[in-house]
Amino acid sequence: MGTTFRITLNEKLYLRDPEQTELGRKIVKASIKMIDELGFEHFTFKKLAIEIDSTEASAYRYFESKHKMLIYIISWYWVWLDFQISFQTNNIKSPKERLKIILRIISQAHLDDINTEIDEAALYRIVVSESSKAYLTKEVDEANKDGLYREYKQLCNNIAEIILEVNPTFRYSHSLVSTVMEASHNQVFFSQHLPSLTDIKIKDNNYTQLEEYLSHILFSAIS
């Protein structure tokens, strides 16, 4: 979404590509800010229109619903995360070392990236608290047929392939990756809101315990 990092998402996520216009980028940036502050349930295109000094019709020209917008911004996050992983592991030959780097990236994904116009820190908080709402719907099968979860599945598949480099006989690579990814979000959420459900402590943006926990899950399983 920024000047140095642009992505291409499934065209079925939007009616008009928001990347291509100033208004579209403004809509996405404001939506991330508002969903982070208000929560997805309380976010509406009417409130968005007030925020950007425009009309509801402007938002509907780009997205057919706020649910499609949620999938769009979360998909943007998955592509950005996949890019970070690819960039930081590009010259690392050892698959174990690549997995360690990936776990560190996943654990530090709360940090903002100055190379984009998007607030990744806010987007990370949305992913933690709202991402399950993108697929826990009655329309999930239809959405999946339309490829709306393609970016998340591609990210998980890329990591699963590295697991198989470490242990080619491991039978549950995709299951393990999705478990680790969901655990990373759930444990952060529990630590912040339901601390009796986790042993992970996150203070002053220190996610070291989360990284250690994810590492334990992953390497215990594949060893």
Protein backbone atom coordinates (compact mmCIF):
# COMPACT_ATOMS: atom_id res chain seq x y z
CA MET A 1 0.00 0.00 0.00
CA GLY A 2 3.06 2.23 0.23
CA THR A 3 5.46 3.71 -2.27
CA THR A 4 8.12 1.02 -1.79
CA PHE A 5 5.91 -2.00 -1.17
CA ARG A 6 2.93 -2.79 -3.36
CA ILE A 7 0.97 -5.99 -3.51
CA THR A 8 -1.66 -7.63 -5.67
CA LEU A 9 -4.60 -9.34 -3.99
CA ASN A 10 -7.46 -11.45 -5.29
CA GLU A 11 -9.64 -9.20 -7.47
CA LYS A 12 -12.76 -10.74 -5.94
CA LEU A 13 -11.95 -9.02 -2.65
CA TYR A 14 -12.81 -5.61 -4.06
CA LEU A 15 -14.95 -3.90 -6.67
CA ARG A 16 -12.23 -1.42 -7.53
CA ASP A 17 -8.57 -1.85 -6.59
CA PRO A 18 -7.94 0.61 -3.71
CA GLU A 19 -4.22 0.53 -4.48
CA GLN A 20 -4.85 2.45 -7.70
CA THR A 21 -6.32 5.67 -6.31
CA GLU A 22 -5.59 8.13 -3.54
CA LEU A 23 -9.16 7.76 -2.25
CA GLY A 24 -8.87 3.97 -2.22
CA ARG A 25 -5.66 4.09 -0.20
CA LYS A 26 -7.24 6.63 2.13
CA ILE A 27 -10.23 4.34 2.67
CA VAL A 28 -8.00 1.39 3.56
CA LYS A 29 -5.78 3.37 5.92
CA ALA A 30 -8.75 4.93 7.70
CA SER A 31 -10.52 1.57 7.95
CA ILE A 32 -7.51 0.00 9.65
CA LYS A 33 -7.35 2.87 12.11
CA MET A 34 -11.06 2.70 12.90
CA ILE A 35 -11.35 -1.09 13.17
CA ASP A 36 -8.36 -1.04 15.50
CA GLU A 37 -9.98 1.62 17.67
CA LEU A 38 -13.66 0.63 17.49
CA GLY A 39 -13.61 -3.10 16.80
CA PHE A 40 -15.07 -4.72 13.70
CA GLU A 41 -18.62 -4.94 15.09
CA HIS A 42 -18.83 -1.20 15.67
CA PHE A 43 -17.10 -0.21 12.44
CA THR A 44 -19.44 0.93 9.65
CA PHE A 45 -19.02 2.55 6.26
CA LYS A 46 -21.14 5.42 7.56
CA LYS A 47 -18.59 6.12 10.31
CA LEU A 48 -15.79 5.67 7.78
CA ALA A 49 -17.37 8.29 5.50
CA ILE A 50 -17.38 10.80 8.35
CA GLU A 51 -13.76 9.99 9.17
CA ILE A 52 -12.52 10.60 5.62
CA ASP A 53 -14.98 13.44 4.89
CA SER A 54 -16.64 11.54 2.08
CA THR A 55 -19.77 9.43 1.51
CA GLU A 56 -20.76 5.83 2.19
CA ALA A 57 -21.06 5.41 -1.57
CA SER A 58 -17.32 6.04 -1.86
CA ALA A 59 -16.55 3.00 0.28
CA TYR A 60 -19.09 0.87 -1.56
CA ARG A 61 -17.41 1.71 -4.86
CA TYR A 62 -14.36 -0.18 -3.61
CA PHE A 63 -15.82 -2.88 -1.33
CA GLU A 64 -19.18 -4.58 -1.51
CA SER A 65 -19.27 -5.00 2.31
CA LYS A 66 -17.26 -4.32 5.42
CA HIS A 67 -16.64 -8.08 5.68
CA LYS A 68 -14.94 -8.07 2.28
CA MET A 69 -12.88 -5.11 3.47
CA LEU A 70 -11.85 -7.05 6.58
CA ILE A 71 -10.68 -9.97 4.46
CA TYR A 72 -8.85 -7.53 2.19
CA ILE A 73 -6.82 -5.83 4.92
CA ILE A 74 -6.04 -9.14 6.65
CA SER A 75 -4.96 -10.62 3.31
CA TRP A 76 -2.73 -7.57 2.85
CA TYR A 77 -1.15 -8.43 6.19
CA TRP A 78 -0.49 -12.05 5.18
CA VAL A 79 1.25 -10.95 1.99
CA TRP A 80 3.32 -8.41 3.90
CA LEU A 81 4.29 -11.12 6.43
CA ASP A 82 5.18 -13.54 3.63
CA PHE A 83 7.36 -10.84 2.07
CA GLN A 84 9.19 -10.28 5.37
CA ILE A 85 9.81 -14.00 5.70
CA SER A 86 11.06 -14.36 2.13
CA PHE A 87 13.33 -11.33 2.42
CA GLN A 88 14.87 -12.27 5.75
CA THR A 89 15.41 -15.97 4.96
CA ASN A 90 16.53 -15.55 1.36
CA ASN A 91 20.21 -16.37 1.92
CA ILE A 92 19.78 -18.85 4.79
CA LYS A 93 20.53 -22.41 3.68
CA SER A 94 19.59 -24.26 6.87
CA PRO A 95 15.84 -24.93 7.03
CA LYS A 96 15.99 -25.04 10.84
CA GLU A 97 17.53 -21.57 10.91
CA ARG A 98 14.89 -20.35 8.47
CA LEU A 99 12.17 -21.68 10.76
CA LYS A 100 13.75 -19.91 13.73
CA ILE A 101 13.76 -16.65 11.78
CA ILE A 102 10.14 -17.21 10.76
CA LEU A 103 9.09 -17.70 14.37
CA ARG A 104 10.90 -14.50 15.31
CA ILE A 105 9.16 -12.62 12.51
CA ILE A 106 5.76 -13.97 13.54
CA SER A 107 6.45 -13.01 17.15
CA GLN A 108 7.63 -9.51 16.21
CA ALA A 109 4.87 -8.81 13.70
CA HIS A 110 3.44 -6.20 16.06
CA LEU A 111 6.10 -3.76 14.88
CA ASP A 112 5.34 -1.14 12.24
CA ASP A 113 7.14 -1.16 8.88
CA ILE A 114 8.33 2.31 7.88
CA ASN A 115 8.56 1.20 4.23
CA THR A 116 4.79 1.21 3.78
CA GLU A 117 1.97 3.68 4.28
CA ILE A 118 0.02 1.09 6.28
CA ASP A 119 0.14 0.99 10.08
CA GLU A 120 1.23 -2.64 10.48
CA ALA A 121 1.13 -2.37 14.27
CA ALA A 122 -2.57 -1.51 14.13
CA LEU A 123 -3.14 -4.15 11.47
CA TYR A 124 -1.44 -6.74 13.68
CA ARG A 125 -3.83 -5.90 16.52
CA ILE A 126 -6.73 -6.39 14.09
CA VAL A 127 -5.37 -9.76 13.00
CA VAL A 128 -5.06 -10.86 16.64
CA SER A 129 -8.56 -9.82 17.62
CA GLU A 130 -10.57 -9.94 14.40
CA SER A 131 -9.01 -12.34 11.86
CA SER A 132 -11.17 -15.33 12.83
CA LYS A 133 -14.23 -13.29 11.82
CA ALA A 134 -12.96 -13.38 8.25
CA TYR A 135 -13.67 -17.11 7.94
CA LEU A 136 -15.96 -18.09 10.83
CA THR A 137 -19.05 -17.36 8.77
CA LYS A 138 -21.78 -19.33 7.04
CA GLU A 139 -20.34 -18.20 3.70
CA VAL A 140 -16.85 -19.57 4.33
CA ASP A 141 -17.09 -22.35 1.71
CA GLU A 142 -18.26 -19.99 -1.01
CA ALA A 143 -15.59 -17.47 -0.06
CA ASN A 144 -12.97 -20.20 -0.16
CA LYS A 145 -14.09 -21.26 -3.65
CA ASP A 146 -13.60 -17.64 -4.73
CA GLY A 147 -10.05 -17.77 -3.41
CA LEU A 148 -10.58 -15.13 -0.72
CA TYR A 149 -8.23 -16.92 1.67
CA ARG A 150 -5.56 -17.56 -0.92
CA GLU A 151 -2.93 -15.35 0.70
CA TYR A 152 -3.16 -16.99 4.11
CA LYS A 153 -3.09 -20.48 2.60
CA GLN A 154 -0.06 -19.57 0.49
CA LEU A 155 1.79 -18.23 3.51
CA CYS A 156 1.07 -21.39 5.51
CA ASN A 157 2.05 -23.59 2.57
CA ASN A 158 5.39 -21.80 2.18
CA ILE A 159 6.23 -22.43 5.84
CA ALA A 160 4.99 -26.04 5.63
CA GLU A 161 7.43 -26.71 2.81
CA ILE A 162 10.33 -25.61 5.02
CA ILE A 163 9.15 -27.96 7.77
CA LEU A 164 9.30 -30.81 5.27
CA GLU A 165 12.87 -29.84 4.44
CA VAL A 166 13.72 -30.47 8.09
CA ASN A 167 11.66 -33.65 8.39
CA PRO A 168 10.38 -35.03 5.05
CA THR A 169 8.41 -37.78 6.86
CA PHE A 170 6.41 -35.40 9.04
CA ARG A 171 2.74 -35.94 8.18
CA TYR A 172 1.16 -32.81 9.61
CA SER A 173 3.12 -29.88 8.24
CA HIS A 174 0.10 -27.76 7.26
CA SER A 175 -1.71 -28.59 10.49
CA LEU A 176 1.33 -27.58 12.48
CA VAL A 177 1.76 -24.28 10.66
CA SER A 178 -1.88 -23.27 11.07
CA THR A 179 -1.71 -24.31 14.73
CA VAL A 180 1.38 -22.16 15.31
CA MET A 181 -0.12 -19.21 13.46
CA GLU A 182 -3.40 -19.34 15.37
CA ALA A 183 -1.59 -19.95 18.66
CA SER A 184 0.50 -16.84 18.08
CA HIS A 185 -2.66 -14.74 17.86
CA ASN A 186 -4.62 -16.51 20.60
CA GLN A 187 -1.81 -16.33 23.12
CA VAL A 188 -1.35 -12.61 22.54
CA PHE A 189 -5.09 -12.05 22.92
CA PHE A 190 -5.27 -14.16 26.07
CA SER A 191 -2.23 -12.44 27.55
CA GLN A 192 -3.83 -9.05 27.02
CA HIS A 193 -7.43 -9.86 27.92
CA LEU A 194 -7.79 -13.33 29.51
CA PRO A 195 -4.45 -13.87 31.28
CA SER A 196 -5.61 -16.90 33.28
CA LEU A 197 -5.75 -18.84 29.99
CA THR A 198 -2.06 -18.44 29.18
CA ASP A 199 1.39 -18.47 30.74
CA ILE A 200 2.68 -15.97 28.17
CA LYS A 201 3.45 -12.55 29.60
CA ILE A 202 3.77 -9.62 27.23
CA LYS A 203 5.06 -6.39 28.72
CA ASP A 204 6.54 -3.32 27.07
CA ASN A 205 6.18 -4.90 23.62
CA ASN A 206 8.42 -7.79 24.64
CA TYR A 207 7.22 -10.91 22.83
CA THR A 208 10.16 -13.15 23.78
CA GLN A 209 8.01 -15.64 25.70
CA LEU A 210 5.69 -15.98 22.73
CA GLU A 211 8.61 -16.77 20.43
CA GLU A 212 9.92 -19.36 22.90
CA TYR A 213 6.50 -20.98 23.17
CA LEU A 214 5.99 -21.16 19.41
CA SER A 215 9.49 -22.58 19.00
CA HIS A 216 8.69 -25.26 21.56
CA ILE A 217 5.51 -26.26 19.74
CA LEU A 218 7.08 -26.39 16.30
CA PHE A 219 10.41 -28.06 16.99
CA SER A 220 8.99 -30.54 19.51
CA ALA A 221 6.54 -31.70 16.87
CA ILE A 222 8.93 -32.10 13.95
CA SER A 223 11.81 -33.63 15.92
